[in-house]
Amino acid sequence: YRAQSSYSRMRMTVVRERGTRELEMESWSKGDDEALIVIRSPAREAGAATLRTEDGLWNYAPRADRLIRIPTGLLSDSWMGSHFTNDDLMRETSYLDDYDAEISMEEREGVTYLKATLTPKPEAPVVYSELVYLITPDGWIPVRAEYYDEGELVRAMAFDQIQSIAGKQIPMRMTILPVDAPDEETVVEY
């Protein structure tokens, strides 16, 4: 699913109670720890950027011409007004380090999936008490992620519109569905 490096263009649509907004972005990644996302539109946010390194997460604000490190205490805050958090961007690649996994099979709506249940290691600095991924058994493509806090589902992420990109099957759309706001969502389309 992941490559050693990548480049993508994305559209992120954020639907909140107070309205809908859309961002156009470009993204680059290298290895497991380095990633850069640059906002291209709308014009008032163009040039804003988020950089992930093994040393942390940084935001660049073009109007202030400042690079700001995101402190640990703000990792649970919303990223760019979306349902993604700064922690989502920072912790994306630490599943192997932070969680123990159990694999099983599960049927949902008549389809059988691999189910990866991730529970945090005792010393892991994580937000959720359990993560559940549903994965296609033939291509190991994620189709759904569920985030639990103390046994209660707090949000889900759906992956769809699978396409072959550079020989890899990739979901071209991700949708975050917060449980506490069922009329809201964040959709990222590659």
N, C-alpha and C. Protein backbone atom coordinates (compact mmCIF):
# COMPACT_ATOMS: atom_id res chain seq x y z
N TYR A 1 0.82 -1.19 0.00
CA TYR A 1 0.00 0.00 0.00
C TYR A 1 0.86 1.26 0.00
N ARG A 2 1.97 1.24 0.73
CA ARG A 2 2.87 2.39 0.79
C ARG A 2 4.07 2.15 -0.11
N ALA A 3 4.62 3.25 -0.61
CA ALA A 3 5.83 3.19 -1.41
C ALA A 3 6.94 3.90 -0.64
N GLN A 4 8.17 3.79 -1.12
CA GLN A 4 9.28 4.48 -0.46
C GLN A 4 9.20 5.99 -0.62
N SER A 5 8.53 6.43 -1.67
CA SER A 5 8.28 7.86 -1.84
C SER A 5 6.99 8.02 -2.63
N SER A 6 6.40 9.21 -2.52
CA SER A 6 5.15 9.43 -3.25
C SER A 6 4.94 10.92 -3.50
N TYR A 7 4.11 11.18 -4.49
CA TYR A 7 3.63 12.53 -4.78
C TYR A 7 2.15 12.40 -5.11
N SER A 8 1.36 13.33 -4.61
CA SER A 8 -0.06 13.30 -4.94
C SER A 8 -0.65 14.70 -4.91
N ARG A 9 -1.77 14.83 -5.63
CA ARG A 9 -2.60 16.01 -5.55
C ARG A 9 -3.92 15.55 -4.96
N MET A 10 -4.47 16.35 -4.06
CA MET A 10 -5.68 15.95 -3.34
C MET A 10 -6.66 17.10 -3.23
N ARG A 11 -7.92 16.72 -3.10
CA ARG A 11 -8.98 17.67 -2.77
C ARG A 11 -9.58 17.20 -1.45
N MET A 12 -9.64 18.09 -0.49
CA MET A 12 -10.24 17.76 0.80
C MET A 12 -11.50 18.61 0.97
N THR A 13 -12.63 17.95 1.15
CA THR A 13 -13.91 18.61 1.38
C THR A 13 -14.30 18.36 2.83
N VAL A 14 -14.48 19.44 3.57
CA VAL A 14 -14.83 19.35 4.98
C VAL A 14 -16.27 19.83 5.15
N VAL A 15 -17.11 18.92 5.61
CA VAL A 15 -18.52 19.25 5.85
C VAL A 15 -18.71 19.31 7.36
N ARG A 16 -19.01 20.51 7.83
CA ARG A 16 -19.27 20.75 9.24
C ARG A 16 -20.65 21.38 9.39
N GLU A 17 -21.14 21.43 10.60
CA GLU A 17 -22.45 22.04 10.87
C GLU A 17 -22.50 23.49 10.37
N ARG A 18 -21.39 24.21 10.49
CA ARG A 18 -21.37 25.63 10.12
C ARG A 18 -21.12 25.87 8.64
N GLY A 19 -20.87 24.81 7.85
CA GLY A 19 -20.67 24.99 6.42
C GLY A 19 -19.69 23.99 5.83
N THR A 20 -19.49 24.13 4.52
CA THR A 20 -18.59 23.24 3.78
C THR A 20 -17.45 24.06 3.22
N ARG A 21 -16.24 23.51 3.27
CA ARG A 21 -15.09 24.16 2.66
C ARG A 21 -14.29 23.12 1.90
N GLU A 22 -13.55 23.60 0.91
CA GLU A 22 -12.78 22.70 0.07
C GLU A 22 -11.35 23.23 -0.06
N LEU A 23 -10.39 22.33 0.06
CA LEU A 23 -8.98 22.68 -0.08
C LEU A 23 -8.37 21.82 -1.18
N GLU A 24 -7.51 22.42 -1.99
CA GLU A 24 -6.70 21.68 -2.97
C GLU A 24 -5.30 21.62 -2.38
N MET A 25 -4.67 20.44 -2.44
CA MET A 25 -3.37 20.24 -1.79
C MET A 25 -2.45 19.43 -2.68
N GLU A 26 -1.14 19.57 -2.42
CA GLU A 26 -0.13 18.69 -2.98
C GLU A 26 0.60 18.05 -1.81
N SER A 27 1.04 16.82 -2.00
CA SER A 27 1.69 16.10 -0.92
C SER A 27 2.88 15.30 -1.45
N TRP A 28 3.96 15.29 -0.68
CA TRP A 28 5.14 14.50 -0.99
C TRP A 28 5.50 13.68 0.25
N SER A 29 5.98 12.47 0.05
CA SER A 29 6.47 11.68 1.18
C SER A 29 7.74 10.95 0.77
N LYS A 30 8.57 10.67 1.77
CA LYS A 30 9.80 9.91 1.56
C LYS A 30 10.03 9.06 2.80
N GLY A 31 10.14 7.76 2.58
CA GLY A 31 10.32 6.86 3.71
C GLY A 31 9.11 6.87 4.62
N ASP A 32 9.32 6.48 5.88
CA ASP A 32 8.22 6.39 6.83
C ASP A 32 8.00 7.66 7.63
N ASP A 33 9.00 8.54 7.70
CA ASP A 33 8.92 9.66 8.62
C ASP A 33 8.81 11.03 7.99
N GLU A 34 9.06 11.15 6.69
CA GLU A 34 9.08 12.48 6.09
C GLU A 34 7.90 12.67 5.16
N ALA A 35 7.17 13.78 5.37
CA ALA A 35 6.03 14.11 4.51
C ALA A 35 5.82 15.62 4.53
N LEU A 36 5.34 16.12 3.41
CA LEU A 36 5.04 17.55 3.28
C LEU A 36 3.71 17.69 2.56
N ILE A 37 2.81 18.50 3.12
CA ILE A 37 1.53 18.82 2.49
C ILE A 37 1.48 20.33 2.33
N VAL A 38 1.22 20.79 1.10
CA VAL A 38 1.13 22.22 0.82
C VAL A 38 -0.27 22.53 0.29
N ILE A 39 -0.93 23.52 0.89
CA ILE A 39 -2.24 23.95 0.44
C ILE A 39 -2.05 24.83 -0.79
N ARG A 40 -2.80 24.56 -1.86
CA ARG A 40 -2.72 25.33 -3.10
C ARG A 40 -3.92 26.26 -3.28
N SER A 41 -5.07 25.89 -2.77
CA SER A 41 -6.24 26.77 -2.82
C SER A 41 -7.18 26.36 -1.69
N PRO A 42 -8.02 27.28 -1.20
CA PRO A 42 -8.32 28.60 -1.74
C PRO A 42 -7.17 29.58 -1.54
N ALA A 43 -7.24 30.71 -2.24
CA ALA A 43 -6.14 31.67 -2.27
C ALA A 43 -5.75 32.15 -0.88
N ARG A 44 -6.70 32.34 0.02
CA ARG A 44 -6.35 32.87 1.35
C ARG A 44 -5.53 31.89 2.18
N GLU A 45 -5.54 30.61 1.81
CA GLU A 45 -4.76 29.61 2.55
C GLU A 45 -3.61 29.04 1.73
N ALA A 46 -3.50 29.47 0.48
CA ALA A 46 -2.45 28.95 -0.40
C ALA A 46 -1.08 29.21 0.21
N GLY A 47 -0.24 28.21 0.14
CA GLY A 47 1.12 28.30 0.68
C GLY A 47 1.26 27.78 2.09
N ALA A 48 0.16 27.63 2.82
CA ALA A 48 0.24 27.01 4.15
C ALA A 48 0.73 25.59 3.96
N ALA A 49 1.54 25.12 4.89
CA ALA A 49 2.14 23.79 4.73
C ALA A 49 2.26 23.09 6.07
N THR A 50 2.25 21.76 6.01
CA THR A 50 2.50 20.92 7.17
C THR A 50 3.63 19.98 6.82
N LEU A 51 4.63 19.92 7.67
CA LEU A 51 5.82 19.09 7.47
C LEU A 51 5.92 18.10 8.61
N ARG A 52 6.08 16.82 8.26
CA ARG A 52 6.31 15.78 9.27
C ARG A 52 7.72 15.26 9.10
N THR A 53 8.47 15.25 10.18
CA THR A 53 9.81 14.65 10.21
C THR A 53 9.87 13.72 11.40
N GLU A 54 10.94 12.98 11.53
CA GLU A 54 11.06 12.11 12.71
C GLU A 54 11.17 12.94 13.98
N ASP A 55 11.46 14.24 13.85
CA ASP A 55 11.57 15.12 15.02
C ASP A 55 10.24 15.74 15.43
N GLY A 56 9.21 15.64 14.59
CA GLY A 56 7.93 16.21 14.97
C GLY A 56 7.12 16.71 13.80
N LEU A 57 6.09 17.48 14.14
CA LEU A 57 5.17 18.03 13.16
C LEU A 57 5.28 19.54 13.18
N TRP A 58 5.33 20.14 11.99
CA TRP A 58 5.53 21.58 11.85
C TRP A 58 4.49 22.16 10.91
N ASN A 59 4.02 23.37 11.19
CA ASN A 59 3.13 24.09 10.29
C ASN A 59 3.82 25.37 9.83
N TYR A 60 3.67 25.69 8.55
CA TYR A 60 4.19 26.94 8.01
C TYR A 60 3.01 27.84 7.70
N ALA A 61 3.05 29.07 8.24
CA ALA A 61 2.01 30.06 8.00
C ALA A 61 2.59 31.14 7.08
N PRO A 62 2.19 31.17 5.81
CA PRO A 62 2.81 32.11 4.87
C PRO A 62 2.56 33.58 5.19
N ARG A 63 1.39 33.90 5.73
CA ARG A 63 1.11 35.30 6.06
C ARG A 63 2.06 35.83 7.13
N ALA A 64 2.40 34.99 8.07
CA ALA A 64 3.33 35.38 9.14
C ALA A 64 4.77 35.02 8.77
N ASP A 65 4.94 34.27 7.69
CA ASP A 65 6.26 33.76 7.28
C ASP A 65 6.97 33.09 8.46
N ARG A 66 6.22 32.18 9.12
CA ARG A 66 6.75 31.49 10.30
C ARG A 66 6.53 29.99 10.20
N LEU A 67 7.52 29.26 10.66
CA LEU A 67 7.44 27.81 10.82
C LEU A 67 7.22 27.54 12.30
N ILE A 68 6.13 26.84 12.61
CA ILE A 68 5.75 26.62 14.00
C ILE A 68 5.71 25.12 14.28
N ARG A 69 6.43 24.71 15.32
CA ARG A 69 6.37 23.30 15.72
C ARG A 69 5.07 23.06 16.50
N ILE A 70 4.38 21.95 16.18
CA ILE A 70 3.14 21.60 16.87
C ILE A 70 3.54 20.85 18.15
N PRO A 71 3.24 21.43 19.32
CA PRO A 71 3.59 20.74 20.57
C PRO A 71 2.71 19.52 20.80
N THR A 72 3.19 18.62 21.60
CA THR A 72 2.48 17.38 21.90
C THR A 72 1.06 17.64 22.39
N GLY A 73 0.86 18.68 23.17
CA GLY A 73 -0.45 18.99 23.72
C GLY A 73 -1.48 19.39 22.67
N LEU A 74 -1.04 19.74 21.46
CA LEU A 74 -1.97 20.14 20.40
C LEU A 74 -2.15 19.07 19.32
N LEU A 75 -1.60 17.87 19.54
CA LEU A 75 -1.72 16.82 18.53
C LEU A 75 -3.17 16.36 18.33
N SER A 76 -4.02 16.50 19.34
CA SER A 76 -5.41 16.06 19.18
C SER A 76 -6.29 17.15 18.53
N ASP A 77 -5.72 18.32 18.25
CA ASP A 77 -6.48 19.39 17.59
C ASP A 77 -6.72 19.08 16.12
N SER A 78 -7.76 19.69 15.58
CA SER A 78 -8.14 19.53 14.18
C SER A 78 -7.04 20.06 13.26
N TRP A 79 -6.81 19.34 12.13
CA TRP A 79 -5.87 19.80 11.12
C TRP A 79 -6.65 20.51 10.02
N MET A 80 -6.36 21.79 9.80
CA MET A 80 -6.96 22.61 8.75
C MET A 80 -8.50 22.60 8.81
N GLY A 81 -9.06 22.54 10.02
CA GLY A 81 -10.50 22.57 10.18
C GLY A 81 -11.22 21.29 9.82
N SER A 82 -10.45 20.23 9.52
CA SER A 82 -11.04 18.96 9.10
C SER A 82 -11.28 18.05 10.31
N HIS A 83 -11.74 16.83 10.04
CA HIS A 83 -11.90 15.82 11.08
C HIS A 83 -10.61 15.02 11.29
N PHE A 84 -9.58 15.32 10.50
CA PHE A 84 -8.25 14.78 10.76
C PHE A 84 -7.66 15.57 11.92
N THR A 85 -6.85 14.90 12.72
CA THR A 85 -6.14 15.60 13.78
C THR A 85 -4.66 15.67 13.44
N ASN A 86 -3.96 16.55 14.13
CA ASN A 86 -2.51 16.60 13.97
C ASN A 86 -1.90 15.24 14.31
N ASP A 87 -2.49 14.55 15.29
CA ASP A 87 -2.01 13.23 15.67
C ASP A 87 -2.16 12.22 14.53
N ASP A 88 -3.22 12.33 13.73
CA ASP A 88 -3.39 11.45 12.58
C ASP A 88 -2.20 11.59 11.63
N LEU A 89 -1.78 12.81 11.40
CA LEU A 89 -0.66 13.05 10.49
C LEU A 89 0.66 12.57 11.10
N MET A 90 0.80 12.74 12.41
CA MET A 90 2.06 12.39 13.06
C MET A 90 2.20 10.89 13.30
N ARG A 91 1.15 10.23 13.70
CA ARG A 91 1.23 8.83 14.13
C ARG A 91 0.96 7.83 13.02
N GLU A 92 0.74 8.28 11.81
CA GLU A 92 0.34 7.40 10.71
C GLU A 92 1.25 6.19 10.55
N THR A 93 2.53 6.34 10.79
CA THR A 93 3.45 5.25 10.49
C THR A 93 3.95 4.51 11.73
N SER A 94 3.41 4.80 12.91
CA SER A 94 3.96 4.18 14.12
C SER A 94 3.13 2.99 14.61
N TYR A 95 2.27 2.44 13.77
CA TYR A 95 1.46 1.31 14.20
C TYR A 95 2.30 0.13 14.68
N LEU A 96 3.37 -0.18 13.99
CA LEU A 96 4.22 -1.30 14.39
C LEU A 96 4.86 -1.07 15.74
N ASP A 97 5.22 0.17 16.02
CA ASP A 97 5.88 0.48 17.29
C ASP A 97 4.90 0.59 18.46
N ASP A 98 3.70 1.11 18.18
CA ASP A 98 2.78 1.46 19.25
C ASP A 98 1.69 0.45 19.55
N TYR A 99 1.45 -0.50 18.64
CA TYR A 99 0.32 -1.41 18.81
C TYR A 99 0.72 -2.87 18.65
N ASP A 100 -0.03 -3.73 19.34
CA ASP A 100 0.01 -5.17 19.10
C ASP A 100 -1.20 -5.48 18.22
N ALA A 101 -1.03 -6.40 17.27
CA ALA A 101 -2.11 -6.69 16.32
C ALA A 101 -2.58 -8.13 16.46
N GLU A 102 -3.88 -8.30 16.25
CA GLU A 102 -4.49 -9.62 16.18
C GLU A 102 -5.28 -9.67 14.88
N ILE A 103 -5.06 -10.72 14.10
CA ILE A 103 -5.71 -10.86 12.80
C ILE A 103 -6.80 -11.93 12.89
N SER A 104 -7.96 -11.62 12.32
CA SER A 104 -9.05 -12.58 12.26
C SER A 104 -9.83 -12.31 10.97
N MET A 105 -10.89 -13.05 10.76
CA MET A 105 -11.77 -12.84 9.61
C MET A 105 -13.10 -12.33 10.15
N GLU A 106 -13.73 -11.44 9.38
CA GLU A 106 -15.04 -10.94 9.79
C GLU A 106 -15.89 -10.69 8.55
N GLU A 107 -17.16 -11.05 8.67
CA GLU A 107 -18.09 -10.79 7.57
C GLU A 107 -18.95 -9.59 7.93
N ARG A 108 -19.04 -8.66 6.98
CA ARG A 108 -19.92 -7.50 7.12
C ARG A 108 -20.66 -7.30 5.82
N GLU A 109 -21.97 -7.19 5.94
CA GLU A 109 -22.84 -6.98 4.78
C GLU A 109 -22.55 -7.98 3.66
N GLY A 110 -22.33 -9.25 4.06
CA GLY A 110 -22.13 -10.33 3.10
C GLY A 110 -20.74 -10.43 2.50
N VAL A 111 -19.80 -9.59 2.94
CA VAL A 111 -18.43 -9.61 2.42
C VAL A 111 -17.49 -10.01 3.55
N THR A 112 -16.55 -10.92 3.26
CA THR A 112 -15.58 -11.36 4.26
C THR A 112 -14.30 -10.55 4.13
N TYR A 113 -13.83 -10.01 5.25
CA TYR A 113 -12.63 -9.19 5.31
C TYR A 113 -11.64 -9.77 6.30
N LEU A 114 -10.37 -9.43 6.11
CA LEU A 114 -9.39 -9.60 7.18
C LEU A 114 -9.67 -8.49 8.18
N LYS A 115 -9.63 -8.83 9.45
CA LYS A 115 -9.85 -7.83 10.49
C LYS A 115 -8.57 -7.75 11.32
N ALA A 116 -7.97 -6.58 11.32
CA ALA A 116 -6.78 -6.34 12.14
C ALA A 116 -7.21 -5.50 13.33
N THR A 117 -7.11 -6.08 14.52
CA THR A 117 -7.45 -5.37 15.75
C THR A 117 -6.15 -4.94 16.41
N LEU A 118 -5.98 -3.63 16.56
CA LEU A 118 -4.75 -3.08 17.12
C LEU A 118 -5.03 -2.56 18.52
N THR A 119 -4.27 -3.07 19.50
CA THR A 119 -4.38 -2.59 20.87
C THR A 119 -3.04 -1.96 21.26
N PRO A 120 -3.08 -0.82 21.94
CA PRO A 120 -1.83 -0.13 22.26
C PRO A 120 -0.96 -0.90 23.24
N LYS A 121 0.34 -0.81 22.99
CA LYS A 121 1.30 -1.34 23.96
C LYS A 121 1.24 -0.46 25.20
N PRO A 122 1.57 -1.00 26.36
CA PRO A 122 1.41 -0.24 27.62
C PRO A 122 2.10 1.12 27.62
N GLU A 123 3.25 1.24 26.99
CA GLU A 123 4.00 2.49 27.03
C GLU A 123 3.73 3.41 25.84
N ALA A 124 2.83 3.01 24.97
CA ALA A 124 2.60 3.76 23.72
C ALA A 124 1.83 5.07 23.98
N PRO A 125 2.31 6.18 23.39
CA PRO A 125 1.63 7.47 23.54
C PRO A 125 0.54 7.64 22.48
N VAL A 126 -0.58 6.94 22.65
CA VAL A 126 -1.62 6.94 21.62
C VAL A 126 -2.93 7.51 22.18
N VAL A 127 -3.82 7.90 21.28
CA VAL A 127 -5.10 8.51 21.64
C VAL A 127 -6.19 7.47 21.85
N TYR A 128 -6.21 6.43 21.00
CA TYR A 128 -7.33 5.49 20.99
C TYR A 128 -6.98 4.21 21.74
N SER A 129 -7.99 3.61 22.38
CA SER A 129 -7.77 2.38 23.14
C SER A 129 -7.79 1.15 22.23
N GLU A 130 -8.31 1.29 21.00
CA GLU A 130 -8.33 0.19 20.05
C GLU A 130 -8.59 0.74 18.64
N LEU A 131 -7.92 0.15 17.66
CA LEU A 131 -8.16 0.44 16.26
C LEU A 131 -8.54 -0.86 15.57
N VAL A 132 -9.54 -0.81 14.70
CA VAL A 132 -9.93 -1.99 13.94
C VAL A 132 -9.88 -1.62 12.47
N TYR A 133 -9.14 -2.41 11.69
CA TYR A 133 -9.06 -2.21 10.25
C TYR A 133 -9.69 -3.39 9.55
N LEU A 134 -10.54 -3.12 8.58
CA LEU A 134 -11.07 -4.15 7.69
C LEU A 134 -10.29 -4.04 6.40
N ILE A 135 -9.78 -5.18 5.92
CA ILE A 135 -8.84 -5.22 4.80
C ILE A 135 -9.30 -6.30 3.84
N THR A 136 -9.18 -6.04 2.53
CA THR A 136 -9.54 -7.07 1.56
C THR A 136 -8.54 -8.22 1.69
N PRO A 137 -9.03 -9.48 1.72
CA PRO A 137 -8.11 -10.61 1.90
C PRO A 137 -7.25 -10.88 0.67
N ASP A 138 -7.68 -10.46 -0.51
CA ASP A 138 -6.89 -10.75 -1.71
C ASP A 138 -5.78 -9.74 -1.95
N GLY A 139 -6.01 -8.46 -1.73
CA GLY A 139 -4.99 -7.46 -2.02
C GLY A 139 -4.50 -6.68 -0.81
N TRP A 140 -5.03 -7.01 0.36
CA TRP A 140 -4.67 -6.32 1.61
C TRP A 140 -4.90 -4.81 1.49
N ILE A 141 -6.04 -4.44 0.91
CA ILE A 141 -6.39 -3.03 0.73
C ILE A 141 -7.34 -2.63 1.86
N PRO A 142 -7.04 -1.57 2.60
CA PRO A 142 -7.96 -1.15 3.66
C PRO A 142 -9.26 -0.63 3.07
N VAL A 143 -10.38 -1.01 3.69
CA VAL A 143 -11.69 -0.51 3.26
C VAL A 143 -12.38 0.27 4.38
N ARG A 144 -11.98 0.01 5.62
CA ARG A 144 -12.58 0.72 6.75
C ARG A 144 -11.64 0.66 7.95
N ALA A 145 -11.58 1.78 8.67
CA ALA A 145 -10.85 1.85 9.94
C ALA A 145 -11.82 2.36 10.98
N GLU A 146 -11.78 1.76 12.16
CA GLU A 146 -12.65 2.18 13.25
C GLU A 146 -11.79 2.53 14.46
N TYR A 147 -12.10 3.64 15.09
CA TYR A 147 -11.32 4.17 16.20
C TYR A 147 -12.19 4.11 17.46
N TYR A 148 -11.69 3.42 18.48
CA TYR A 148 -12.43 3.21 19.71
C TYR A 148 -11.73 3.88 20.89
N ASP A 149 -12.54 4.41 21.80
CA ASP A 149 -12.04 4.94 23.05
C ASP A 149 -12.79 4.24 24.17
N GLU A 150 -12.08 3.46 24.95
CA GLU A 150 -12.67 2.70 26.05
C GLU A 150 -13.86 1.87 25.59
N GLY A 151 -13.71 1.19 24.44
CA GLY A 151 -14.72 0.29 23.93
C GLY A 151 -15.83 0.95 23.13
N GLU A 152 -15.84 2.27 23.03
CA GLU A 152 -16.89 2.99 22.31
C GLU A 152 -16.34 3.52 20.99
N LEU A 153 -17.05 3.24 19.88
CA LEU A 153 -16.65 3.75 18.58
C LEU A 153 -16.80 5.27 18.57
N VAL A 154 -15.70 5.99 18.24
CA VAL A 154 -15.75 7.45 18.24
C VAL A 154 -15.67 8.03 16.82
N ARG A 155 -15.08 7.28 15.90
CA ARG A 155 -15.07 7.71 14.50
C ARG A 155 -14.67 6.54 13.62
N ALA A 156 -15.00 6.67 12.34
CA ALA A 156 -14.64 5.64 11.37
C ALA A 156 -14.07 6.32 10.13
N MET A 157 -13.30 5.58 9.37
CA MET A 157 -12.77 6.06 8.11
C MET A 157 -13.04 5.01 7.06
N ALA A 158 -13.67 5.43 5.96
CA ALA A 158 -13.96 4.52 4.85
C ALA A 158 -12.99 4.81 3.71
N PHE A 159 -12.53 3.75 3.06
CA PHE A 159 -11.61 3.86 1.92
C PHE A 159 -12.32 3.23 0.72
N ASP A 160 -12.35 3.94 -0.42
CA ASP A 160 -12.97 3.37 -1.59
C ASP A 160 -12.38 3.96 -2.87
N GLN A 161 -13.04 3.71 -3.98
CA GLN A 161 -12.57 4.10 -5.31
C GLN A 161 -11.14 3.57 -5.56
N ILE A 162 -10.98 2.26 -5.44
CA ILE A 162 -9.68 1.61 -5.59
C ILE A 162 -9.22 1.70 -7.05
N GLN A 163 -7.97 2.13 -7.25
CA GLN A 163 -7.37 2.18 -8.58
C GLN A 163 -5.95 1.64 -8.51
N SER A 164 -5.46 1.18 -9.64
CA SER A 164 -4.07 0.73 -9.73
C SER A 164 -3.18 1.93 -10.06
N ILE A 165 -2.28 2.25 -9.15
CA ILE A 165 -1.35 3.36 -9.31
C ILE A 165 0.07 2.78 -9.16
N ALA A 166 0.87 2.91 -10.21
CA ALA A 166 2.25 2.41 -10.20
C ALA A 166 2.30 0.95 -9.74
N GLY A 167 1.33 0.15 -10.18
CA GLY A 167 1.30 -1.26 -9.86
C GLY A 167 0.75 -1.60 -8.49
N LYS A 168 0.28 -0.60 -7.73
CA LYS A 168 -0.29 -0.85 -6.40
C LYS A 168 -1.77 -0.49 -6.42
N GLN A 169 -2.57 -1.28 -5.74
CA GLN A 169 -3.99 -0.99 -5.59
C GLN A 169 -4.14 0.02 -4.45
N ILE A 170 -4.67 1.20 -4.79
CA ILE A 170 -4.74 2.30 -3.83
C ILE A 170 -6.17 2.83 -3.73
N PRO A 171 -6.68 3.02 -2.50
CA PRO A 171 -7.97 3.71 -2.36
C PRO A 171 -7.76 5.18 -2.73
N MET A 172 -8.56 5.68 -3.64
CA MET A 172 -8.40 7.06 -4.10
C MET A 172 -9.30 8.04 -3.34
N ARG A 173 -10.11 7.51 -2.41
CA ARG A 173 -10.94 8.39 -1.59
C ARG A 173 -10.98 7.85 -0.16
N MET A 174 -10.83 8.76 0.81
CA MET A 174 -10.95 8.46 2.23
C MET A 174 -12.03 9.37 2.79
N THR A 175 -12.90 8.81 3.60
CA THR A 175 -13.96 9.60 4.22
C THR A 175 -13.93 9.36 5.72
N ILE A 176 -13.75 10.44 6.48
CA ILE A 176 -13.80 10.33 7.94
C ILE A 176 -15.22 10.64 8.39
N LEU A 177 -15.75 9.76 9.23
CA LEU A 177 -17.11 9.85 9.72
C LEU A 177 -17.10 9.93 11.25
N PRO A 178 -17.24 11.14 11.82
CA PRO A 178 -17.26 11.23 13.29
C PRO A 178 -18.60 10.73 13.84
N VAL A 179 -18.55 9.88 14.84
CA VAL A 179 -19.77 9.30 15.41
C VAL A 179 -20.60 10.36 16.13
N ASP A 180 -19.95 11.32 16.79
CA ASP A 180 -20.68 12.33 17.55
C ASP A 180 -21.30 13.42 16.68
N ALA A 181 -20.99 13.42 15.38
CA ALA A 181 -21.57 14.41 14.45
C ALA A 181 -21.91 13.68 13.14
N PRO A 182 -23.00 12.90 13.12
CA PRO A 182 -23.30 12.05 11.97
C PRO A 182 -23.57 12.81 10.67
N ASP A 183 -23.86 14.10 10.73
CA ASP A 183 -24.10 14.89 9.51
C ASP A 183 -22.82 15.54 8.99
N GLU A 184 -21.68 15.29 9.65
CA GLU A 184 -20.42 15.87 9.25
C GLU A 184 -19.52 14.79 8.65
N GLU A 185 -18.54 15.23 7.84
CA GLU A 185 -17.55 14.33 7.29
C GLU A 185 -16.40 15.13 6.69
N THR A 186 -15.29 14.45 6.53
CA THR A 186 -14.17 14.99 5.77
C THR A 186 -13.83 13.96 4.71
N VAL A 187 -13.81 14.42 3.44
CA VAL A 187 -13.53 13.54 2.31
C VAL A 187 -12.24 14.00 1.65
N VAL A 188 -11.29 13.08 1.49
CA VAL A 188 -10.05 13.36 0.77
C VAL A 188 -10.05 12.51 -0.49
N GLU A 189 -9.96 13.19 -1.64
CA GLU A 189 -9.94 12.50 -2.93
C GLU A 189 -8.59 12.77 -3.60
N TYR A 190 -7.91 11.67 -3.98
CA TYR A 190 -6.62 11.80 -4.66
C TYR A 190 -6.86 12.01 -6.13
